Amino acid sequence: MEDSCYRKGGIRTIDLAESIENSIELPLTIIGLGNELKGDDGVGVYIARKLRSLGHSSVIVAGISIENHVYRVLEFDPRTVILIDAIEAGLEPGSIVLGDVKNVVHEFVPITTHTIPLPLIIRIVERELGHSVKWLLLGIQVGSTTIGEPISEDVKESADIVIKILHGILKKLFSNS
């Protein structure tokens, strides 16, 4: 998969939706990461909660501890996992990055600090499942991670676009399966 960046103000939802849809191999699990107490860092959790409220059971709200949800990932037995997290990539706040986790984690730093390194979690999950998994990062560039602040308007606007896109994709995928 070619990594993609959708800059704030220039987000073409059709392009982003196609990029996501073309990257997915079912079964799919979506994991929302982040710290809700730190402003924009909570964007992954915000998106995951909204998707869960829309009835998507293959979405995990992991917060700051993905390692506590490995068992749920194993239960879903996914072929694709989309990690949604805040990133610091020097882009305009609200810009969206989509790419293979193994590539983009070195280029675009996820904001959430995980107690167990993500590459180790990936190895554990794939070893336990007995097959490889496509790991995608859907990252949204933060504006502010000040403790006690809400998600900024730019980041929330992009998050709402992502929610709309993922909801549409999930409805389409699971109505066809």
N, C-alpha and C. Protein backbone atom coordinates (compact mmCIF):
# COMPACT_ATOMS: atom_id res chain seq x y z
N MET A 1 0.84 -1.18 0.00
CA MET A 1 0.00 0.00 0.00
C MET A 1 0.88 1.24 0.00
N GLU A 2 0.49 2.20 -0.78
CA GLU A 2 1.21 3.47 -0.80
C GLU A 2 0.65 4.36 0.31
N ASP A 3 1.55 4.94 1.12
CA ASP A 3 1.11 5.80 2.20
C ASP A 3 0.53 7.07 1.61
N SER A 4 -0.53 7.57 2.25
CA SER A 4 -1.24 8.74 1.74
C SER A 4 -1.39 9.78 2.84
N CYS A 5 -1.34 11.04 2.44
CA CYS A 5 -1.57 12.14 3.37
C CYS A 5 -2.66 13.02 2.79
N TYR A 6 -3.67 13.30 3.58
CA TYR A 6 -4.78 14.15 3.18
C TYR A 6 -4.71 15.41 4.02
N ARG A 7 -4.28 16.50 3.40
CA ARG A 7 -4.03 17.73 4.15
C ARG A 7 -5.34 18.45 4.47
N LYS A 8 -5.34 19.07 5.63
CA LYS A 8 -6.50 19.84 6.08
C LYS A 8 -6.86 20.87 5.03
N GLY A 9 -8.14 20.97 4.74
CA GLY A 9 -8.60 21.92 3.74
C GLY A 9 -8.61 21.31 2.36
N GLY A 10 -7.83 20.26 2.17
CA GLY A 10 -7.77 19.60 0.88
C GLY A 10 -8.19 18.15 0.99
N ILE A 11 -8.86 17.79 2.08
CA ILE A 11 -9.28 16.40 2.28
C ILE A 11 -10.36 16.07 1.26
N ARG A 12 -10.04 15.13 0.42
CA ARG A 12 -11.02 14.63 -0.55
C ARG A 12 -11.56 13.32 0.01
N THR A 13 -12.78 13.38 0.52
CA THR A 13 -13.33 12.21 1.21
C THR A 13 -13.45 11.00 0.29
N ILE A 14 -13.69 11.23 -0.98
CA ILE A 14 -13.79 10.11 -1.92
C ILE A 14 -12.45 9.41 -2.02
N ASP A 15 -11.36 10.18 -2.15
CA ASP A 15 -10.02 9.59 -2.24
C ASP A 15 -9.67 8.83 -0.97
N LEU A 16 -9.95 9.42 0.19
CA LEU A 16 -9.65 8.78 1.45
C LEU A 16 -10.46 7.50 1.60
N ALA A 17 -11.74 7.55 1.29
CA ALA A 17 -12.60 6.37 1.38
C ALA A 17 -12.08 5.26 0.47
N GLU A 18 -11.71 5.60 -0.75
CA GLU A 18 -11.19 4.60 -1.69
C GLU A 18 -9.88 4.01 -1.19
N SER A 19 -9.00 4.86 -0.65
CA SER A 19 -7.72 4.36 -0.13
C SER A 19 -7.95 3.37 1.01
N ILE A 20 -8.86 3.70 1.90
CA ILE A 20 -9.15 2.80 3.02
C ILE A 20 -9.77 1.51 2.50
N GLU A 21 -10.80 1.66 1.70
CA GLU A 21 -11.53 0.49 1.20
C GLU A 21 -10.62 -0.45 0.41
N ASN A 22 -9.73 0.10 -0.40
CA ASN A 22 -8.83 -0.71 -1.21
C ASN A 22 -7.74 -1.38 -0.38
N SER A 23 -7.55 -0.93 0.86
CA SER A 23 -6.51 -1.47 1.73
C SER A 23 -7.02 -2.58 2.65
N ILE A 24 -8.32 -2.77 2.69
CA ILE A 24 -8.93 -3.68 3.66
C ILE A 24 -9.07 -5.09 3.09
N GLU A 25 -8.69 -6.03 3.93
CA GLU A 25 -8.97 -7.44 3.68
C GLU A 25 -9.75 -7.91 4.90
N LEU A 26 -10.92 -8.49 4.69
CA LEU A 26 -11.77 -8.93 5.81
C LEU A 26 -11.25 -10.22 6.41
N PRO A 27 -11.52 -10.46 7.68
CA PRO A 27 -12.19 -9.63 8.65
C PRO A 27 -11.35 -8.41 9.07
N LEU A 28 -12.05 -7.38 9.50
CA LEU A 28 -11.45 -6.10 9.85
C LEU A 28 -11.71 -5.78 11.31
N THR A 29 -10.68 -5.27 11.98
CA THR A 29 -10.82 -4.73 13.33
C THR A 29 -10.27 -3.32 13.33
N ILE A 30 -10.97 -2.41 14.00
CA ILE A 30 -10.54 -1.02 14.12
C ILE A 30 -10.26 -0.76 15.60
N ILE A 31 -9.12 -0.13 15.88
CA ILE A 31 -8.73 0.15 17.27
C ILE A 31 -8.49 1.65 17.42
N GLY A 32 -9.21 2.27 18.35
CA GLY A 32 -9.02 3.68 18.66
C GLY A 32 -8.07 3.86 19.83
N LEU A 33 -6.99 4.61 19.59
CA LEU A 33 -5.97 4.84 20.60
C LEU A 33 -5.93 6.31 21.01
N GLY A 34 -5.43 6.58 22.21
CA GLY A 34 -5.23 7.96 22.61
C GLY A 34 -5.59 8.22 24.06
N ASN A 35 -5.24 9.42 24.48
CA ASN A 35 -5.49 9.86 25.85
C ASN A 35 -6.48 11.02 25.80
N GLU A 36 -7.69 10.75 26.23
CA GLU A 36 -8.76 11.76 26.18
C GLU A 36 -8.49 12.97 27.07
N LEU A 37 -7.60 12.84 28.01
CA LEU A 37 -7.30 13.96 28.90
C LEU A 37 -6.34 14.96 28.28
N LYS A 38 -5.80 14.63 27.10
CA LYS A 38 -4.78 15.47 26.48
C LYS A 38 -5.25 16.03 25.13
N GLY A 39 -6.39 16.70 25.12
CA GLY A 39 -6.86 17.39 23.93
C GLY A 39 -6.94 16.49 22.71
N ASP A 40 -6.22 16.88 21.65
CA ASP A 40 -6.29 16.17 20.37
C ASP A 40 -5.77 14.74 20.45
N ASP A 41 -5.00 14.40 21.47
CA ASP A 41 -4.51 13.03 21.61
C ASP A 41 -5.66 12.04 21.76
N GLY A 42 -6.83 12.50 22.15
CA GLY A 42 -7.98 11.62 22.33
C GLY A 42 -8.77 11.34 21.06
N VAL A 43 -8.27 11.79 19.92
CA VAL A 43 -9.05 11.67 18.68
C VAL A 43 -9.34 10.22 18.29
N GLY A 44 -8.41 9.31 18.51
CA GLY A 44 -8.65 7.90 18.16
C GLY A 44 -9.76 7.29 18.99
N VAL A 45 -9.78 7.64 20.27
CA VAL A 45 -10.83 7.17 21.18
C VAL A 45 -12.17 7.78 20.78
N TYR A 46 -12.18 9.07 20.45
CA TYR A 46 -13.40 9.76 20.01
C TYR A 46 -14.00 9.05 18.80
N ILE A 47 -13.18 8.75 17.81
CA ILE A 47 -13.66 8.08 16.60
C ILE A 47 -14.18 6.68 16.92
N ALA A 48 -13.42 5.92 17.70
CA ALA A 48 -13.82 4.55 18.03
C ALA A 48 -15.14 4.53 18.80
N ARG A 49 -15.30 5.45 19.74
CA ARG A 49 -16.55 5.50 20.51
C ARG A 49 -17.75 5.81 19.62
N LYS A 50 -17.56 6.75 18.70
CA LYS A 50 -18.66 7.10 17.78
C LYS A 50 -19.03 5.89 16.91
N LEU A 51 -18.00 5.19 16.40
CA LEU A 51 -18.28 4.02 15.56
C LEU A 51 -18.98 2.92 16.35
N ARG A 52 -18.57 2.72 17.60
CA ARG A 52 -19.25 1.74 18.46
C ARG A 52 -20.72 2.13 18.66
N SER A 53 -20.96 3.43 18.88
CA SER A 53 -22.33 3.89 19.11
C SER A 53 -23.19 3.73 17.86
N LEU A 54 -22.55 3.61 16.69
CA LEU A 54 -23.28 3.37 15.44
C LEU A 54 -23.48 1.88 15.18
N GLY A 55 -23.08 1.05 16.15
CA GLY A 55 -23.36 -0.38 16.07
C GLY A 55 -22.26 -1.25 15.50
N HIS A 56 -21.06 -0.71 15.37
CA HIS A 56 -19.96 -1.49 14.78
C HIS A 56 -19.20 -2.23 15.88
N SER A 57 -19.47 -3.51 16.01
CA SER A 57 -18.92 -4.31 17.10
C SER A 57 -17.45 -4.69 16.91
N SER A 58 -16.91 -4.54 15.72
CA SER A 58 -15.51 -4.90 15.48
C SER A 58 -14.57 -3.73 15.77
N VAL A 59 -15.07 -2.73 16.49
CA VAL A 59 -14.28 -1.56 16.87
C VAL A 59 -13.93 -1.66 18.35
N ILE A 60 -12.65 -1.45 18.66
CA ILE A 60 -12.16 -1.52 20.04
C ILE A 60 -11.74 -0.12 20.48
N VAL A 61 -12.24 0.29 21.64
CA VAL A 61 -11.82 1.56 22.24
C VAL A 61 -10.70 1.20 23.22
N ALA A 62 -9.45 1.37 22.77
CA ALA A 62 -8.31 0.92 23.57
C ALA A 62 -7.72 2.01 24.45
N GLY A 63 -7.93 3.27 24.09
CA GLY A 63 -7.33 4.35 24.89
C GLY A 63 -5.82 4.29 24.85
N ILE A 64 -5.20 4.37 26.03
CA ILE A 64 -3.73 4.39 26.09
C ILE A 64 -3.13 3.01 26.30
N SER A 65 -3.97 1.98 26.31
CA SER A 65 -3.43 0.65 26.63
C SER A 65 -3.89 -0.42 25.64
N ILE A 66 -3.34 -0.39 24.46
CA ILE A 66 -3.68 -1.39 23.45
C ILE A 66 -3.38 -2.80 23.95
N GLU A 67 -2.35 -2.93 24.77
CA GLU A 67 -1.96 -4.27 25.26
C GLU A 67 -3.08 -4.92 26.07
N ASN A 68 -3.95 -4.12 26.68
CA ASN A 68 -5.06 -4.68 27.45
C ASN A 68 -6.19 -5.21 26.57
N HIS A 69 -6.07 -5.01 25.26
CA HIS A 69 -7.14 -5.42 24.34
C HIS A 69 -6.68 -6.43 23.32
N VAL A 70 -5.49 -6.98 23.49
CA VAL A 70 -4.97 -7.97 22.55
C VAL A 70 -5.91 -9.16 22.45
N TYR A 71 -6.45 -9.61 23.59
CA TYR A 71 -7.36 -10.76 23.58
C TYR A 71 -8.57 -10.51 22.68
N ARG A 72 -9.08 -9.27 22.64
CA ARG A 72 -10.23 -8.96 21.78
C ARG A 72 -9.83 -8.99 20.32
N VAL A 73 -8.62 -8.51 20.02
CA VAL A 73 -8.13 -8.59 18.64
C VAL A 73 -8.06 -10.05 18.23
N LEU A 74 -7.55 -10.91 19.10
CA LEU A 74 -7.46 -12.34 18.79
C LEU A 74 -8.84 -12.94 18.56
N GLU A 75 -9.82 -12.53 19.35
CA GLU A 75 -11.20 -13.03 19.17
C GLU A 75 -11.76 -12.67 17.80
N PHE A 76 -11.43 -11.48 17.31
CA PHE A 76 -11.93 -11.04 16.00
C PHE A 76 -11.21 -11.73 14.84
N ASP A 77 -10.00 -12.27 15.08
CA ASP A 77 -9.20 -12.96 14.07
C ASP A 77 -9.12 -12.16 12.76
N PRO A 78 -8.65 -10.91 12.84
CA PRO A 78 -8.68 -10.05 11.65
C PRO A 78 -7.60 -10.37 10.63
N ARG A 79 -7.85 -9.96 9.40
CA ARG A 79 -6.85 -9.94 8.34
C ARG A 79 -6.30 -8.52 8.21
N THR A 80 -7.12 -7.54 8.65
CA THR A 80 -6.70 -6.13 8.64
C THR A 80 -7.05 -5.50 9.97
N VAL A 81 -6.11 -4.71 10.51
CA VAL A 81 -6.36 -3.91 11.71
C VAL A 81 -6.04 -2.46 11.34
N ILE A 82 -7.00 -1.57 11.60
CA ILE A 82 -6.77 -0.14 11.42
C ILE A 82 -6.61 0.47 12.81
N LEU A 83 -5.42 1.02 13.07
CA LEU A 83 -5.16 1.75 14.31
C LEU A 83 -5.44 3.22 14.05
N ILE A 84 -6.31 3.82 14.85
CA ILE A 84 -6.61 5.24 14.70
C ILE A 84 -5.98 5.96 15.89
N ASP A 85 -5.11 6.92 15.57
CA ASP A 85 -4.37 7.59 16.64
C ASP A 85 -4.02 9.00 16.21
N ALA A 86 -3.73 9.82 17.18
CA ALA A 86 -3.20 11.16 16.93
C ALA A 86 -1.74 11.00 16.52
N ILE A 87 -1.26 11.87 15.63
CA ILE A 87 0.14 11.81 15.20
C ILE A 87 0.77 13.19 15.29
N GLU A 88 2.09 13.18 15.35
CA GLU A 88 2.86 14.42 15.26
C GLU A 88 3.77 14.26 14.05
N ALA A 89 3.38 14.89 12.95
CA ALA A 89 4.13 14.75 11.70
C ALA A 89 4.51 16.10 11.12
N GLY A 90 4.30 17.17 11.88
CA GLY A 90 4.64 18.49 11.38
C GLY A 90 3.71 18.98 10.29
N LEU A 91 2.53 18.40 10.21
CA LEU A 91 1.54 18.79 9.21
C LEU A 91 0.57 19.80 9.82
N GLU A 92 -0.32 20.30 9.00
CA GLU A 92 -1.37 21.19 9.48
C GLU A 92 -2.33 20.40 10.37
N PRO A 93 -2.72 20.94 11.54
CA PRO A 93 -3.65 20.22 12.42
C PRO A 93 -4.89 19.75 11.66
N GLY A 94 -5.24 18.50 11.88
CA GLY A 94 -6.39 17.90 11.22
C GLY A 94 -6.02 17.13 9.96
N SER A 95 -4.77 17.25 9.49
CA SER A 95 -4.35 16.46 8.33
C SER A 95 -4.43 14.98 8.68
N ILE A 96 -4.79 14.18 7.70
CA ILE A 96 -4.99 12.75 7.92
C ILE A 96 -3.93 11.98 7.15
N VAL A 97 -3.33 11.01 7.82
CA VAL A 97 -2.32 10.15 7.21
C VAL A 97 -2.84 8.72 7.27
N LEU A 98 -2.70 8.01 6.15
CA LEU A 98 -3.08 6.60 6.09
C LEU A 98 -1.90 5.83 5.52
N GLY A 99 -1.48 4.79 6.22
CA GLY A 99 -0.37 4.00 5.72
C GLY A 99 -0.17 2.74 6.51
N ASP A 100 0.71 1.90 6.01
CA ASP A 100 1.09 0.67 6.67
C ASP A 100 1.84 1.03 7.95
N VAL A 101 1.41 0.47 9.07
CA VAL A 101 2.01 0.79 10.37
C VAL A 101 3.51 0.58 10.34
N LYS A 102 3.94 -0.49 9.68
CA LYS A 102 5.37 -0.81 9.68
C LYS A 102 6.18 0.27 8.97
N ASN A 103 5.56 1.03 8.07
CA ASN A 103 6.25 2.12 7.38
C ASN A 103 6.09 3.45 8.10
N VAL A 104 4.84 3.80 8.44
CA VAL A 104 4.57 5.15 8.91
C VAL A 104 4.92 5.41 10.37
N VAL A 105 5.06 4.37 11.17
CA VAL A 105 5.40 4.59 12.57
C VAL A 105 6.77 5.26 12.69
N HIS A 106 7.64 5.00 11.73
CA HIS A 106 8.97 5.63 11.76
C HIS A 106 8.92 7.05 11.20
N GLU A 107 7.96 7.31 10.32
CA GLU A 107 7.87 8.61 9.66
C GLU A 107 6.96 9.57 10.42
N PHE A 108 5.79 9.08 10.83
CA PHE A 108 4.80 9.89 11.54
C PHE A 108 4.63 9.29 12.93
N VAL A 109 5.04 10.00 13.93
CA VAL A 109 5.07 9.45 15.29
C VAL A 109 3.68 9.50 15.90
N PRO A 110 3.10 8.32 16.26
CA PRO A 110 1.84 8.35 16.99
C PRO A 110 2.07 9.04 18.33
N ILE A 111 1.12 9.83 18.76
CA ILE A 111 1.24 10.58 20.01
C ILE A 111 1.14 9.66 21.21
N THR A 112 0.23 8.70 21.16
CA THR A 112 0.00 7.82 22.30
C THR A 112 1.27 7.05 22.63
N THR A 113 1.65 7.07 23.89
CA THR A 113 2.79 6.28 24.32
C THR A 113 2.25 4.97 24.87
N HIS A 114 2.66 3.90 24.25
CA HIS A 114 2.18 2.58 24.64
C HIS A 114 3.20 1.96 25.57
N THR A 115 2.73 1.25 26.60
CA THR A 115 3.66 0.66 27.54
C THR A 115 4.40 -0.51 26.91
N ILE A 116 3.79 -1.17 25.95
CA ILE A 116 4.47 -2.23 25.19
C ILE A 116 4.61 -1.71 23.76
N PRO A 117 5.81 -1.77 23.19
CA PRO A 117 6.00 -1.25 21.83
C PRO A 117 5.07 -1.92 20.81
N LEU A 118 4.55 -1.11 19.92
CA LEU A 118 3.61 -1.59 18.91
C LEU A 118 4.17 -2.75 18.08
N PRO A 119 5.44 -2.71 17.65
CA PRO A 119 5.95 -3.86 16.89
C PRO A 119 5.88 -5.18 17.67
N LEU A 120 6.05 -5.11 18.98
CA LEU A 120 5.95 -6.33 19.80
C LEU A 120 4.50 -6.81 19.84
N ILE A 121 3.56 -5.91 19.98
CA ILE A 121 2.14 -6.29 19.98
C ILE A 121 1.77 -6.92 18.65
N ILE A 122 2.26 -6.36 17.56
CA ILE A 122 1.98 -6.91 16.23
C ILE A 122 2.52 -8.34 16.15
N ARG A 123 3.74 -8.55 16.60
CA ARG A 123 4.33 -9.90 16.56
C ARG A 123 3.53 -10.88 17.41
N ILE A 124 3.12 -10.46 18.59
CA ILE A 124 2.34 -11.33 19.48
C ILE A 124 1.02 -11.71 18.82
N VAL A 125 0.31 -10.73 18.30
CA VAL A 125 -0.99 -10.99 17.67
C VAL A 125 -0.84 -11.94 16.49
N GLU A 126 0.12 -11.67 15.62
CA GLU A 126 0.29 -12.51 14.43
C GLU A 126 0.74 -13.92 14.81
N ARG A 127 1.60 -14.03 15.82
CA ARG A 127 2.03 -15.36 16.26
C ARG A 127 0.84 -16.15 16.83
N GLU A 128 0.03 -15.49 17.66
CA GLU A 128 -1.11 -16.18 18.26
C GLU A 128 -2.18 -16.54 17.23
N LEU A 129 -2.36 -15.68 16.23
CA LEU A 129 -3.36 -15.96 15.19
C LEU A 129 -2.86 -17.01 14.20
N GLY A 130 -1.55 -17.09 14.03
CA GLY A 130 -0.99 -18.03 13.07
C GLY A 130 -1.03 -17.55 11.64
N HIS A 131 -1.25 -16.25 11.46
CA HIS A 131 -1.22 -15.67 10.11
C HIS A 131 -0.85 -14.20 10.20
N SER A 132 -0.38 -13.66 9.07
CA SER A 132 -0.03 -12.24 9.06
C SER A 132 -1.29 -11.39 9.01
N VAL A 133 -1.15 -10.17 9.46
CA VAL A 133 -2.25 -9.21 9.50
C VAL A 133 -1.75 -7.93 8.85
N LYS A 134 -2.60 -7.29 8.07
CA LYS A 134 -2.27 -5.97 7.52
C LYS A 134 -2.60 -4.95 8.60
N TRP A 135 -1.58 -4.20 9.05
CA TRP A 135 -1.74 -3.20 10.10
C TRP A 135 -1.65 -1.82 9.46
N LEU A 136 -2.74 -1.07 9.53
CA LEU A 136 -2.78 0.28 8.96
C LEU A 136 -2.87 1.31 10.09
N LEU A 137 -2.22 2.45 9.88
CA LEU A 137 -2.37 3.58 10.78
C LEU A 137 -3.17 4.64 10.08
N LEU A 138 -4.27 5.05 10.70
CA LEU A 138 -5.02 6.20 10.25
C LEU A 138 -4.75 7.25 11.31
N GLY A 139 -3.84 8.16 10.99
CA GLY A 139 -3.40 9.15 11.95
C GLY A 139 -3.94 10.52 11.63
N ILE A 140 -4.25 11.27 12.66
CA ILE A 140 -4.71 12.65 12.48
C ILE A 140 -3.73 13.56 13.21
N GLN A 141 -3.20 14.52 12.46
CA GLN A 141 -2.23 15.48 13.02
C GLN A 141 -2.86 16.31 14.12
N VAL A 142 -2.18 16.33 15.27
CA VAL A 142 -2.68 17.10 16.42
C VAL A 142 -2.38 18.58 16.25
N GLY A 143 -3.18 19.37 16.96
CA GLY A 143 -2.91 20.79 17.10
C GLY A 143 -2.44 21.06 18.51
N SER A 144 -3.17 20.52 19.49
CA SER A 144 -2.85 20.76 20.89
C SER A 144 -3.06 19.48 21.70
N THR A 145 -2.11 19.19 22.57
CA THR A 145 -2.25 18.05 23.48
C THR A 145 -2.17 18.53 24.93
N THR A 146 -2.70 19.70 25.16
CA THR A 146 -2.71 20.28 26.51
C THR A 146 -3.67 19.50 27.39
N ILE A 147 -3.20 19.16 28.57
CA ILE A 147 -4.02 18.40 29.52
C ILE A 147 -5.25 19.22 29.89
N GLY A 148 -6.40 18.55 29.85
CA GLY A 148 -7.66 19.17 30.23
C GLY A 148 -8.40 19.88 29.11
N GLU A 149 -7.78 20.02 27.96
CA GLU A 149 -8.43 20.70 26.83
C GLU A 149 -9.25 19.70 26.02
N PRO A 150 -10.33 20.15 25.39
CA PRO A 150 -11.08 19.25 24.50
C PRO A 150 -10.35 19.10 23.16
N ILE A 151 -10.84 18.22 22.33
CA ILE A 151 -10.30 18.07 20.98
C ILE A 151 -10.56 19.37 20.22
N SER A 152 -9.53 19.86 19.53
CA SER A 152 -9.65 21.12 18.79
C SER A 152 -10.61 20.98 17.61
N GLU A 153 -11.13 22.11 17.16
CA GLU A 153 -12.11 22.10 16.07
C GLU A 153 -11.55 21.49 14.78
N ASP A 154 -10.30 21.83 14.42
CA ASP A 154 -9.70 21.27 13.20
C ASP A 154 -9.62 19.76 13.27
N VAL A 155 -9.18 19.24 14.39
CA VAL A 155 -9.03 17.80 14.55
C VAL A 155 -10.39 17.12 14.64
N LYS A 156 -11.33 17.73 15.34
CA LYS A 156 -12.69 17.16 15.44
C LYS A 156 -13.36 17.12 14.07
N GLU A 157 -13.16 18.15 13.28
CA GLU A 157 -13.74 18.18 11.92
C GLU A 157 -13.20 17.01 11.09
N SER A 158 -11.90 16.78 11.16
CA SER A 158 -11.31 15.65 10.43
C SER A 158 -11.79 14.32 11.01
N ALA A 159 -11.91 14.24 12.33
CA ALA A 159 -12.40 13.02 12.97
C ALA A 159 -13.82 12.70 12.50
N ASP A 160 -14.65 13.71 12.39
CA ASP A 160 -16.03 13.49 11.94
C ASP A 160 -16.07 13.02 10.49
N ILE A 161 -15.13 13.49 9.67
CA ILE A 161 -15.01 13.00 8.28
C ILE A 161 -14.63 11.52 8.31
N VAL A 162 -13.66 11.17 9.14
CA VAL A 162 -13.21 9.78 9.25
C VAL A 162 -14.36 8.89 9.73
N ILE A 163 -15.11 9.35 10.71
CA ILE A 163 -16.25 8.58 11.21
C ILE A 163 -17.25 8.32 10.09
N LYS A 164 -17.59 9.35 9.34
CA LYS A 164 -18.54 9.19 8.24
C LYS A 164 -18.03 8.19 7.21
N ILE A 165 -16.75 8.30 6.86
CA ILE A 165 -16.17 7.39 5.87
C ILE A 165 -16.16 5.95 6.39
N LEU A 166 -15.64 5.75 7.60
CA LEU A 166 -15.54 4.39 8.14
C LEU A 166 -16.92 3.78 8.37
N HIS A 167 -17.87 4.56 8.83
CA HIS A 167 -19.24 4.06 9.01
C HIS A 167 -19.79 3.58 7.68
N GLY A 168 -19.61 4.37 6.63
CA GLY A 168 -20.08 3.98 5.30
C GLY A 168 -19.41 2.71 4.80
N ILE A 169 -18.09 2.63 4.98
CA ILE A 169 -17.35 1.44 4.54
C ILE A 169 -17.81 0.21 5.32
N LEU A 170 -17.93 0.33 6.64
CA LEU A 170 -18.33 -0.80 7.47
C LEU A 170 -19.75 -1.26 7.12
N LYS A 171 -20.66 -0.33 6.90
CA LYS A 171 -22.03 -0.70 6.51
C LYS A 171 -21.99 -1.46 5.19
N LYS A 172 -21.24 -0.96 4.24
CA LYS A 172 -21.14 -1.58 2.92
C LYS A 172 -20.49 -2.97 3.00
N LEU A 173 -19.38 -3.07 3.72
CA LEU A 173 -18.67 -4.35 3.83
C LEU A 173 -19.50 -5.42 4.52
N PHE A 174 -20.16 -5.03 5.60
CA PHE A 174 -20.87 -6.03 6.36
C PHE A 174 -22.28 -6.30 5.85
N SER A 175 -22.78 -5.47 4.96
CA SER A 175 -24.06 -5.80 4.32
C SER A 175 -23.81 -6.76 3.15
N ASN A 176 -22.56 -6.82 2.66
CA ASN A 176 -22.20 -7.71 1.56
C ASN A 176 -21.66 -9.05 2.03
N SER A 177 -21.41 -9.18 3.35
CA SER A 177 -20.81 -10.44 3.82
C SER A 177 -21.85 -11.39 4.37
